[in-house]
Amino acid sequence: MTLTRPGLPELVTGVRELVSPSAGPRATAFAVADLLRRWLPPPEILTAQERLGDPDRYVGHTLHAETAFSIVAVVWRPGQRTAIHDHIAWCVFGVLQGVEYETLYRDHGDHLTEIGRAANRVGEVSGFAPPGDIHRVHNTGDETAISLHVYGADLSAAPSSIRRVYDLPVLPAR
């Protein structure tokens, strides 16, 4: 039996057409974000069991991976969050359910400062490319949040999309 994932075939085809070695990472992220705004699938891209998440940690479900990109759905139960981190490649995400809170940081070498916050709601899409993609994602809501991430890397060949975790003090901006 083949698992049907609503919207995934169209999304894979569209991303494949946009990803090119000649395009820069930032331009690729913005182009894929525009595509995801048009083709953002429903939460039912995951099975009912996958949408439950894990009580101990946020969980990612790799839905597609090939040399140039991967598509991962992330399920965040209330209170779950990432460490402060950046990525190995460009990334685009869209919120399918709930609210994903993101805090952005700047690295000063010996400390971080907070440079922005966003509450990403259902249907909202954003993209970025390293460097300058240091952030933390947190589900501060009362319901499970689900987001779809497109990474410019083959996550079947890499252990994670995270390049670096930042364990530096966060100081107020001066």
N, C-alpha and C. Protein backbone atom coordinates (compact mmCIF):
# COMPACT_ATOMS: atom_id res chain seq x y z
N MET A 1 0.84 -1.19 0.00
CA MET A 1 0.00 0.00 0.00
C MET A 1 0.88 1.24 0.00
N THR A 2 0.61 2.20 -0.87
CA THR A 2 1.34 3.44 -0.95
C THR A 2 0.61 4.50 -0.14
N LEU A 3 1.35 5.21 0.70
CA LEU A 3 0.78 6.27 1.51
C LEU A 3 0.57 7.49 0.63
N THR A 4 -0.66 8.00 0.57
CA THR A 4 -0.96 9.20 -0.20
C THR A 4 -0.81 10.41 0.72
N ARG A 5 -0.03 11.36 0.28
CA ARG A 5 0.20 12.58 1.05
C ARG A 5 -0.32 13.75 0.22
N PRO A 6 -1.49 14.31 0.59
CA PRO A 6 -2.12 15.37 -0.21
C PRO A 6 -1.20 16.56 -0.42
N GLY A 7 -1.00 16.92 -1.69
CA GLY A 7 -0.21 18.09 -2.04
C GLY A 7 1.27 17.84 -2.20
N LEU A 8 1.77 16.69 -1.74
CA LEU A 8 3.22 16.45 -1.80
C LEU A 8 3.74 16.30 -3.23
N PRO A 9 3.09 15.53 -4.11
CA PRO A 9 3.64 15.40 -5.47
C PRO A 9 3.79 16.75 -6.19
N GLU A 10 2.79 17.62 -6.07
CA GLU A 10 2.85 18.93 -6.72
C GLU A 10 3.97 19.77 -6.13
N LEU A 11 4.12 19.71 -4.81
CA LEU A 11 5.16 20.48 -4.14
C LEU A 11 6.55 20.00 -4.57
N VAL A 12 6.76 18.70 -4.58
CA VAL A 12 8.07 18.15 -4.99
C VAL A 12 8.40 18.59 -6.41
N THR A 13 7.45 18.48 -7.32
CA THR A 13 7.68 18.87 -8.71
C THR A 13 8.02 20.36 -8.80
N GLY A 14 7.27 21.17 -8.08
CA GLY A 14 7.52 22.61 -8.12
C GLY A 14 8.87 22.99 -7.55
N VAL A 15 9.25 22.41 -6.42
CA VAL A 15 10.56 22.72 -5.83
C VAL A 15 11.67 22.25 -6.76
N ARG A 16 11.52 21.08 -7.31
CA ARG A 16 12.53 20.52 -8.23
C ARG A 16 12.78 21.48 -9.40
N GLU A 17 11.72 22.12 -9.90
CA GLU A 17 11.86 23.05 -11.02
C GLU A 17 12.58 24.34 -10.62
N LEU A 18 12.52 24.70 -9.33
CA LEU A 18 13.12 25.96 -8.87
C LEU A 18 14.56 25.82 -8.41
N VAL A 19 14.94 24.64 -7.96
CA VAL A 19 16.27 24.45 -7.40
C VAL A 19 17.28 24.31 -8.53
N SER A 20 18.27 25.20 -8.52
CA SER A 20 19.27 25.21 -9.56
C SER A 20 20.62 25.56 -8.94
N PRO A 21 21.69 24.86 -9.33
CA PRO A 21 23.01 25.20 -8.79
C PRO A 21 23.44 26.64 -9.12
N SER A 22 22.89 27.21 -10.18
CA SER A 22 23.29 28.57 -10.57
C SER A 22 22.57 29.64 -9.75
N ALA A 23 21.46 29.30 -9.12
CA ALA A 23 20.73 30.28 -8.30
C ALA A 23 21.36 30.34 -6.91
N GLY A 24 21.44 31.51 -6.37
CA GLY A 24 21.99 31.66 -5.02
C GLY A 24 21.02 31.14 -3.97
N PRO A 25 21.52 30.83 -2.77
CA PRO A 25 20.66 30.27 -1.73
C PRO A 25 19.51 31.19 -1.32
N ARG A 26 19.77 32.49 -1.21
CA ARG A 26 18.71 33.41 -0.79
C ARG A 26 17.63 33.50 -1.86
N ALA A 27 18.02 33.61 -3.12
CA ALA A 27 17.05 33.67 -4.22
C ALA A 27 16.25 32.38 -4.29
N THR A 28 16.91 31.25 -4.07
CA THR A 28 16.21 29.96 -4.08
C THR A 28 15.20 29.90 -2.94
N ALA A 29 15.60 30.33 -1.75
CA ALA A 29 14.69 30.30 -0.60
C ALA A 29 13.45 31.16 -0.88
N PHE A 30 13.65 32.34 -1.44
CA PHE A 30 12.51 33.22 -1.72
C PHE A 30 11.61 32.63 -2.80
N ALA A 31 12.19 32.01 -3.83
CA ALA A 31 11.39 31.39 -4.89
C ALA A 31 10.60 30.20 -4.35
N VAL A 32 11.22 29.38 -3.51
CA VAL A 32 10.53 28.23 -2.91
C VAL A 32 9.44 28.73 -1.95
N ALA A 33 9.69 29.82 -1.23
CA ALA A 33 8.66 30.39 -0.35
C ALA A 33 7.44 30.82 -1.16
N ASP A 34 7.67 31.47 -2.30
CA ASP A 34 6.54 31.86 -3.16
C ASP A 34 5.75 30.64 -3.61
N LEU A 35 6.46 29.58 -3.98
CA LEU A 35 5.80 28.33 -4.38
C LEU A 35 5.00 27.74 -3.22
N LEU A 36 5.60 27.70 -2.04
CA LEU A 36 4.92 27.11 -0.89
C LEU A 36 3.67 27.91 -0.52
N ARG A 37 3.69 29.20 -0.73
CA ARG A 37 2.48 30.00 -0.46
C ARG A 37 1.32 29.55 -1.37
N ARG A 38 1.65 29.12 -2.59
CA ARG A 38 0.61 28.65 -3.52
C ARG A 38 0.23 27.19 -3.29
N TRP A 39 1.18 26.37 -2.80
CA TRP A 39 0.97 24.92 -2.70
C TRP A 39 1.06 24.41 -1.27
N LEU A 40 0.79 25.24 -0.27
CA LEU A 40 0.88 24.79 1.11
C LEU A 40 -0.16 23.70 1.35
N PRO A 41 0.28 22.50 1.68
CA PRO A 41 -0.68 21.40 1.85
C PRO A 41 -1.41 21.50 3.19
N PRO A 42 -2.44 20.71 3.36
CA PRO A 42 -3.17 20.67 4.63
C PRO A 42 -2.42 19.83 5.66
N PRO A 43 -2.80 19.92 6.95
CA PRO A 43 -2.18 19.07 7.97
C PRO A 43 -2.30 17.58 7.64
N GLU A 44 -3.28 17.22 6.84
CA GLU A 44 -3.50 15.82 6.48
C GLU A 44 -2.42 15.26 5.56
N ILE A 45 -1.40 16.07 5.26
CA ILE A 45 -0.23 15.53 4.57
C ILE A 45 0.44 14.50 5.49
N LEU A 46 0.15 14.61 6.79
CA LEU A 46 0.59 13.61 7.78
C LEU A 46 -0.59 12.73 8.15
N THR A 47 -0.30 11.51 8.53
CA THR A 47 -1.36 10.62 9.03
C THR A 47 -1.84 11.13 10.38
N ALA A 48 -2.99 10.65 10.81
CA ALA A 48 -3.52 11.04 12.13
C ALA A 48 -2.51 10.70 13.22
N GLN A 49 -1.87 9.57 13.12
CA GLN A 49 -0.86 9.16 14.11
C GLN A 49 0.34 10.11 14.10
N GLU A 50 0.82 10.48 12.92
CA GLU A 50 1.96 11.39 12.82
C GLU A 50 1.62 12.77 13.39
N ARG A 51 0.37 13.21 13.22
CA ARG A 51 -0.05 14.54 13.70
C ARG A 51 -0.11 14.62 15.22
N LEU A 52 -0.08 13.48 15.90
CA LEU A 52 -0.12 13.49 17.37
C LEU A 52 1.17 14.01 17.98
N GLY A 53 2.30 13.82 17.30
CA GLY A 53 3.58 14.25 17.86
C GLY A 53 4.07 13.30 18.93
N ASP A 54 5.04 13.77 19.70
CA ASP A 54 5.67 12.98 20.75
C ASP A 54 5.62 13.82 22.03
N PRO A 55 5.22 13.25 23.15
CA PRO A 55 5.11 14.05 24.37
C PRO A 55 6.46 14.57 24.90
N ASP A 56 7.56 13.97 24.47
CA ASP A 56 8.87 14.34 25.02
C ASP A 56 9.66 15.32 24.17
N ARG A 57 9.36 15.41 22.88
CA ARG A 57 10.16 16.29 22.01
C ARG A 57 9.40 16.56 20.72
N TYR A 58 9.76 17.66 20.08
CA TYR A 58 9.17 17.89 18.76
C TYR A 58 9.71 16.82 17.83
N VAL A 59 8.95 16.49 16.80
CA VAL A 59 9.36 15.40 15.92
C VAL A 59 9.22 15.82 14.46
N GLY A 60 10.22 15.43 13.66
CA GLY A 60 10.19 15.72 12.23
C GLY A 60 9.92 14.45 11.45
N HIS A 61 9.10 14.56 10.43
CA HIS A 61 8.79 13.45 9.53
C HIS A 61 9.32 13.82 8.16
N THR A 62 10.36 13.13 7.70
CA THR A 62 10.89 13.40 6.37
C THR A 62 9.93 12.82 5.35
N LEU A 63 9.36 13.68 4.52
CA LEU A 63 8.37 13.27 3.53
C LEU A 63 8.99 13.04 2.16
N HIS A 64 10.12 13.73 1.92
CA HIS A 64 10.81 13.58 0.63
C HIS A 64 12.25 14.06 0.81
N ALA A 65 13.18 13.35 0.19
CA ALA A 65 14.58 13.79 0.19
C ALA A 65 15.22 13.37 -1.13
N GLU A 66 15.95 14.30 -1.69
CA GLU A 66 16.77 14.02 -2.87
C GLU A 66 18.00 14.92 -2.78
N THR A 67 18.88 14.83 -3.72
CA THR A 67 20.17 15.51 -3.62
C THR A 67 20.05 17.01 -3.35
N ALA A 68 19.13 17.70 -3.99
CA ALA A 68 19.06 19.15 -3.90
C ALA A 68 18.18 19.69 -2.78
N PHE A 69 17.25 18.89 -2.26
CA PHE A 69 16.34 19.41 -1.23
C PHE A 69 15.64 18.28 -0.50
N SER A 70 15.07 18.64 0.64
CA SER A 70 14.26 17.72 1.45
C SER A 70 13.02 18.45 1.95
N ILE A 71 11.96 17.69 2.16
CA ILE A 71 10.73 18.23 2.71
C ILE A 71 10.42 17.47 3.99
N VAL A 72 10.26 18.23 5.08
CA VAL A 72 10.07 17.65 6.40
C VAL A 72 8.88 18.32 7.06
N ALA A 73 7.97 17.53 7.63
CA ALA A 73 6.88 18.08 8.44
C ALA A 73 7.29 17.95 9.90
N VAL A 74 7.14 19.04 10.65
CA VAL A 74 7.54 19.06 12.06
C VAL A 74 6.29 19.25 12.92
N VAL A 75 6.18 18.40 13.94
CA VAL A 75 5.03 18.44 14.85
C VAL A 75 5.53 18.89 16.23
N TRP A 76 4.90 19.95 16.74
CA TRP A 76 5.30 20.58 17.99
C TRP A 76 4.13 20.53 18.97
N ARG A 77 4.25 19.79 20.02
CA ARG A 77 3.22 19.85 21.05
C ARG A 77 3.41 21.12 21.87
N PRO A 78 2.37 21.55 22.60
CA PRO A 78 2.50 22.77 23.41
C PRO A 78 3.74 22.70 24.32
N GLY A 79 4.49 23.80 24.34
CA GLY A 79 5.67 23.91 25.20
C GLY A 79 6.96 23.41 24.56
N GLN A 80 6.89 22.69 23.48
CA GLN A 80 8.12 22.15 22.87
C GLN A 80 8.83 23.24 22.08
N ARG A 81 10.18 23.17 22.11
CA ARG A 81 10.98 24.17 21.41
C ARG A 81 12.33 23.59 21.01
N THR A 82 12.95 24.29 20.08
CA THR A 82 14.29 23.91 19.66
C THR A 82 15.32 24.61 20.54
N ALA A 83 16.54 24.17 20.44
CA ALA A 83 17.67 24.94 20.95
C ALA A 83 17.86 26.12 20.00
N ILE A 84 18.62 27.12 20.39
CA ILE A 84 18.99 28.19 19.48
C ILE A 84 19.97 27.59 18.48
N HIS A 85 19.70 27.76 17.19
CA HIS A 85 20.49 27.07 16.17
C HIS A 85 20.47 27.84 14.85
N ASP A 86 21.31 27.38 13.93
CA ASP A 86 21.23 27.83 12.54
C ASP A 86 21.22 26.58 11.66
N HIS A 87 21.29 26.77 10.34
CA HIS A 87 21.09 25.65 9.43
C HIS A 87 22.25 25.46 8.45
N ILE A 88 22.31 24.26 7.88
CA ILE A 88 23.35 23.92 6.91
C ILE A 88 23.03 24.45 5.52
N ALA A 89 21.80 24.86 5.30
CA ALA A 89 21.38 25.30 3.96
C ALA A 89 20.17 26.21 4.09
N TRP A 90 19.72 26.76 2.96
CA TRP A 90 18.52 27.57 2.96
C TRP A 90 17.34 26.75 3.48
N CYS A 91 16.34 27.45 3.99
CA CYS A 91 15.16 26.78 4.54
C CYS A 91 13.93 27.65 4.28
N VAL A 92 12.83 26.99 3.99
CA VAL A 92 11.53 27.63 3.86
C VAL A 92 10.57 26.85 4.73
N PHE A 93 9.70 27.55 5.45
CA PHE A 93 8.70 26.83 6.24
C PHE A 93 7.34 27.49 6.10
N GLY A 94 6.31 26.67 6.24
CA GLY A 94 4.94 27.14 6.23
C GLY A 94 4.19 26.47 7.36
N VAL A 95 3.31 27.20 8.01
CA VAL A 95 2.57 26.68 9.15
C VAL A 95 1.25 26.07 8.65
N LEU A 96 1.05 24.79 9.02
CA LEU A 96 -0.15 24.06 8.62
C LEU A 96 -1.21 24.05 9.71
N GLN A 97 -0.77 24.14 10.96
CA GLN A 97 -1.69 24.07 12.10
C GLN A 97 -1.05 24.75 13.29
N GLY A 98 -1.85 25.46 14.08
CA GLY A 98 -1.33 26.10 15.29
C GLY A 98 -0.53 27.35 14.98
N VAL A 99 0.32 27.71 15.94
CA VAL A 99 1.16 28.89 15.82
C VAL A 99 2.58 28.49 16.20
N GLU A 100 3.53 28.88 15.36
CA GLU A 100 4.94 28.62 15.62
C GLU A 100 5.60 29.95 15.96
N TYR A 101 6.12 30.07 17.18
CA TYR A 101 6.77 31.30 17.60
C TYR A 101 8.27 31.18 17.33
N GLU A 102 8.81 32.20 16.71
CA GLU A 102 10.22 32.19 16.34
C GLU A 102 10.90 33.41 16.92
N THR A 103 12.06 33.19 17.53
CA THR A 103 12.90 34.27 18.03
C THR A 103 14.19 34.26 17.22
N LEU A 104 14.58 35.43 16.71
CA LEU A 104 15.78 35.56 15.89
C LEU A 104 16.89 36.20 16.72
N TYR A 105 18.14 35.79 16.44
CA TYR A 105 19.28 36.25 17.21
C TYR A 105 20.42 36.69 16.29
N ARG A 106 21.29 37.55 16.84
CA ARG A 106 22.55 37.92 16.19
C ARG A 106 23.69 37.41 17.06
N ASP A 107 24.70 36.85 16.42
CA ASP A 107 25.87 36.31 17.11
C ASP A 107 26.94 37.39 17.21
N HIS A 108 27.39 37.69 18.43
CA HIS A 108 28.45 38.67 18.67
C HIS A 108 29.76 37.99 19.07
N GLY A 109 29.84 36.69 18.86
CA GLY A 109 31.06 35.95 19.20
C GLY A 109 31.03 35.37 20.59
N ASP A 110 30.81 36.20 21.60
CA ASP A 110 30.78 35.71 22.98
C ASP A 110 29.38 35.76 23.58
N HIS A 111 28.41 36.31 22.84
CA HIS A 111 27.02 36.35 23.29
C HIS A 111 26.10 36.55 22.09
N LEU A 112 24.82 36.34 22.32
CA LEU A 112 23.77 36.58 21.32
C LEU A 112 22.92 37.75 21.78
N THR A 113 22.29 38.44 20.83
CA THR A 113 21.24 39.40 21.17
C THR A 113 20.01 39.05 20.35
N GLU A 114 18.87 39.28 20.94
CA GLU A 114 17.61 39.04 20.24
C GLU A 114 17.38 40.18 19.26
N ILE A 115 17.06 39.83 18.01
CA ILE A 115 16.84 40.87 17.00
C ILE A 115 15.43 40.84 16.42
N GLY A 116 14.62 39.90 16.84
CA GLY A 116 13.24 39.88 16.33
C GLY A 116 12.46 38.69 16.83
N ARG A 117 11.16 38.84 16.74
CA ARG A 117 10.24 37.76 17.10
C ARG A 117 9.10 37.74 16.08
N ALA A 118 8.59 36.54 15.86
CA ALA A 118 7.45 36.41 14.95
C ALA A 118 6.55 35.30 15.44
N ALA A 119 5.26 35.54 15.36
CA ALA A 119 4.26 34.51 15.63
C ALA A 119 3.73 34.09 14.26
N ASN A 120 4.18 32.94 13.78
CA ASN A 120 3.81 32.44 12.46
C ASN A 120 2.55 31.60 12.57
N ARG A 121 1.49 32.05 11.91
CA ARG A 121 0.18 31.42 12.00
C ARG A 121 -0.11 30.57 10.76
N VAL A 122 -1.20 29.83 10.83
CA VAL A 122 -1.60 28.95 9.73
C VAL A 122 -1.62 29.73 8.42
N GLY A 123 -0.95 29.15 7.42
CA GLY A 123 -0.89 29.74 6.09
C GLY A 123 0.30 30.65 5.87
N GLU A 124 0.99 31.05 6.94
CA GLU A 124 2.13 31.93 6.78
C GLU A 124 3.36 31.14 6.38
N VAL A 125 4.14 31.73 5.50
CA VAL A 125 5.33 31.09 4.94
C VAL A 125 6.49 32.07 5.05
N SER A 126 7.67 31.56 5.36
CA SER A 126 8.86 32.39 5.41
C SER A 126 10.05 31.57 4.94
N GLY A 127 11.08 32.27 4.48
CA GLY A 127 12.29 31.60 4.03
C GLY A 127 13.52 32.38 4.40
N PHE A 128 14.64 31.69 4.52
CA PHE A 128 15.90 32.34 4.85
C PHE A 128 17.06 31.49 4.36
N ALA A 129 18.23 32.08 4.40
CA ALA A 129 19.44 31.36 4.00
C ALA A 129 20.58 31.80 4.91
N PRO A 130 21.47 30.88 5.24
CA PRO A 130 22.65 31.26 6.02
C PRO A 130 23.53 32.22 5.23
N PRO A 131 24.31 33.03 5.88
CA PRO A 131 24.42 33.22 7.32
C PRO A 131 23.31 34.13 7.84
N GLY A 132 23.24 34.26 9.13
CA GLY A 132 22.25 35.15 9.74
C GLY A 132 20.92 34.49 9.98
N ASP A 133 20.89 33.18 10.07
CA ASP A 133 19.63 32.46 10.27
C ASP A 133 19.55 31.84 11.67
N ILE A 134 20.11 32.52 12.65
CA ILE A 134 20.12 31.99 14.02
C ILE A 134 18.75 32.23 14.64
N HIS A 135 18.14 31.15 15.13
CA HIS A 135 16.79 31.30 15.68
C HIS A 135 16.45 30.15 16.63
N ARG A 136 15.31 30.32 17.29
CA ARG A 136 14.71 29.28 18.12
C ARG A 136 13.23 29.26 17.77
N VAL A 137 12.67 28.07 17.66
CA VAL A 137 11.24 27.90 17.38
C VAL A 137 10.60 27.28 18.61
N HIS A 138 9.42 27.80 18.96
CA HIS A 138 8.77 27.41 20.22
C HIS A 138 7.25 27.39 20.01
N ASN A 139 6.61 26.33 20.47
CA ASN A 139 5.16 26.30 20.47
C ASN A 139 4.68 26.75 21.84
N THR A 140 4.28 28.01 21.94
CA THR A 140 3.79 28.54 23.21
C THR A 140 2.27 28.47 23.30
N GLY A 141 1.63 27.91 22.27
CA GLY A 141 0.18 27.82 22.25
C GLY A 141 -0.35 26.62 23.02
N ASP A 142 -1.68 26.46 22.97
CA ASP A 142 -2.35 25.37 23.68
C ASP A 142 -2.64 24.18 22.79
N GLU A 143 -2.38 24.30 21.49
CA GLU A 143 -2.65 23.19 20.58
C GLU A 143 -1.36 22.76 19.87
N THR A 144 -1.38 21.57 19.35
CA THR A 144 -0.24 21.07 18.59
C THR A 144 -0.07 21.91 17.33
N ALA A 145 1.16 22.28 17.05
CA ALA A 145 1.49 23.03 15.83
C ALA A 145 2.16 22.08 14.85
N ILE A 146 1.89 22.30 13.58
CA ILE A 146 2.53 21.51 12.52
C ILE A 146 3.04 22.48 11.46
N SER A 147 4.28 22.29 11.07
CA SER A 147 4.86 23.13 10.02
C SER A 147 5.54 22.25 8.99
N LEU A 148 5.60 22.75 7.78
CA LEU A 148 6.26 22.05 6.69
C LEU A 148 7.52 22.83 6.34
N HIS A 149 8.67 22.14 6.32
CA HIS A 149 9.96 22.76 6.06
C HIS A 149 10.55 22.18 4.78
N VAL A 150 11.07 23.05 3.93
CA VAL A 150 11.80 22.63 2.75
C VAL A 150 13.24 23.11 2.95
N TYR A 151 14.17 22.17 3.00
CA TYR A 151 15.58 22.48 3.22
C TYR A 151 16.36 22.26 1.94
N GLY A 152 17.34 23.11 1.69
CA GLY A 152 18.18 22.96 0.52
C GLY A 152 19.32 21.99 0.76
N ALA A 153 18.99 20.82 1.26
CA ALA A 153 19.99 19.78 1.56
C ALA A 153 19.30 18.42 1.53
N ASP A 154 20.08 17.41 1.26
CA ASP A 154 19.58 16.03 1.27
C ASP A 154 19.66 15.51 2.69
N LEU A 155 18.54 15.52 3.40
CA LEU A 155 18.55 15.10 4.80
C LEU A 155 18.58 13.58 4.96
N SER A 156 18.48 12.85 3.85
CA SER A 156 18.69 11.40 3.96
C SER A 156 20.18 11.11 4.06
N ALA A 157 21.02 12.08 3.66
CA ALA A 157 22.47 11.92 3.71
C ALA A 157 23.10 12.70 4.86
N ALA A 158 22.36 13.61 5.47
CA ALA A 158 22.87 14.42 6.58
C ALA A 158 22.10 14.05 7.84
N PRO A 159 22.75 14.08 8.98
CA PRO A 159 22.06 13.68 10.21
C PRO A 159 20.99 14.68 10.65
N SER A 160 21.08 15.95 10.20
CA SER A 160 20.16 16.98 10.65
C SER A 160 20.28 18.19 9.74
N SER A 161 19.28 19.06 9.79
CA SER A 161 19.36 20.33 9.06
C SER A 161 20.12 21.37 9.87
N ILE A 162 20.39 21.07 11.13
CA ILE A 162 21.05 22.03 12.02
C ILE A 162 22.56 22.00 11.79
N ARG A 163 23.12 23.18 11.57
CA ARG A 163 24.57 23.31 11.41
C ARG A 163 25.24 23.47 12.77
N ARG A 164 24.69 24.38 13.58
CA ARG A 164 25.31 24.69 14.86
C ARG A 164 24.23 25.00 15.89
N VAL A 165 24.43 24.52 17.12
CA VAL A 165 23.60 24.91 18.26
C VAL A 165 24.40 25.95 19.04
N TYR A 166 23.74 27.03 19.43
CA TYR A 166 24.39 28.14 20.13
C TYR A 166 24.10 28.04 21.62
N ASP A 167 25.16 27.85 22.39
CA ASP A 167 25.05 27.78 23.84
C ASP A 167 25.76 29.01 24.43
N LEU A 168 25.34 30.18 23.98
CA LEU A 168 25.91 31.45 24.41
C LEU A 168 24.88 32.22 25.21
N PRO A 169 25.33 33.10 26.11
CA PRO A 169 24.34 33.93 26.83
C PRO A 169 23.62 34.86 25.86
N VAL A 170 22.37 35.12 26.15
CA VAL A 170 21.59 36.07 25.39
C VAL A 170 21.52 37.35 26.21
N LEU A 171 22.13 38.41 25.70
CA LEU A 171 22.19 39.69 26.41
C LEU A 171 21.28 40.69 25.73
N PRO A 172 20.83 41.71 26.48
CA PRO A 172 20.00 42.74 25.86
C PRO A 172 20.78 43.49 24.78
N ALA A 173 20.07 43.91 23.75
CA ALA A 173 20.70 44.72 22.70
C ALA A 173 21.07 46.07 23.29
N ARG A 174 22.20 46.60 22.85
CA ARG A 174 22.67 47.90 23.41
C ARG A 174 22.21 49.05 22.59
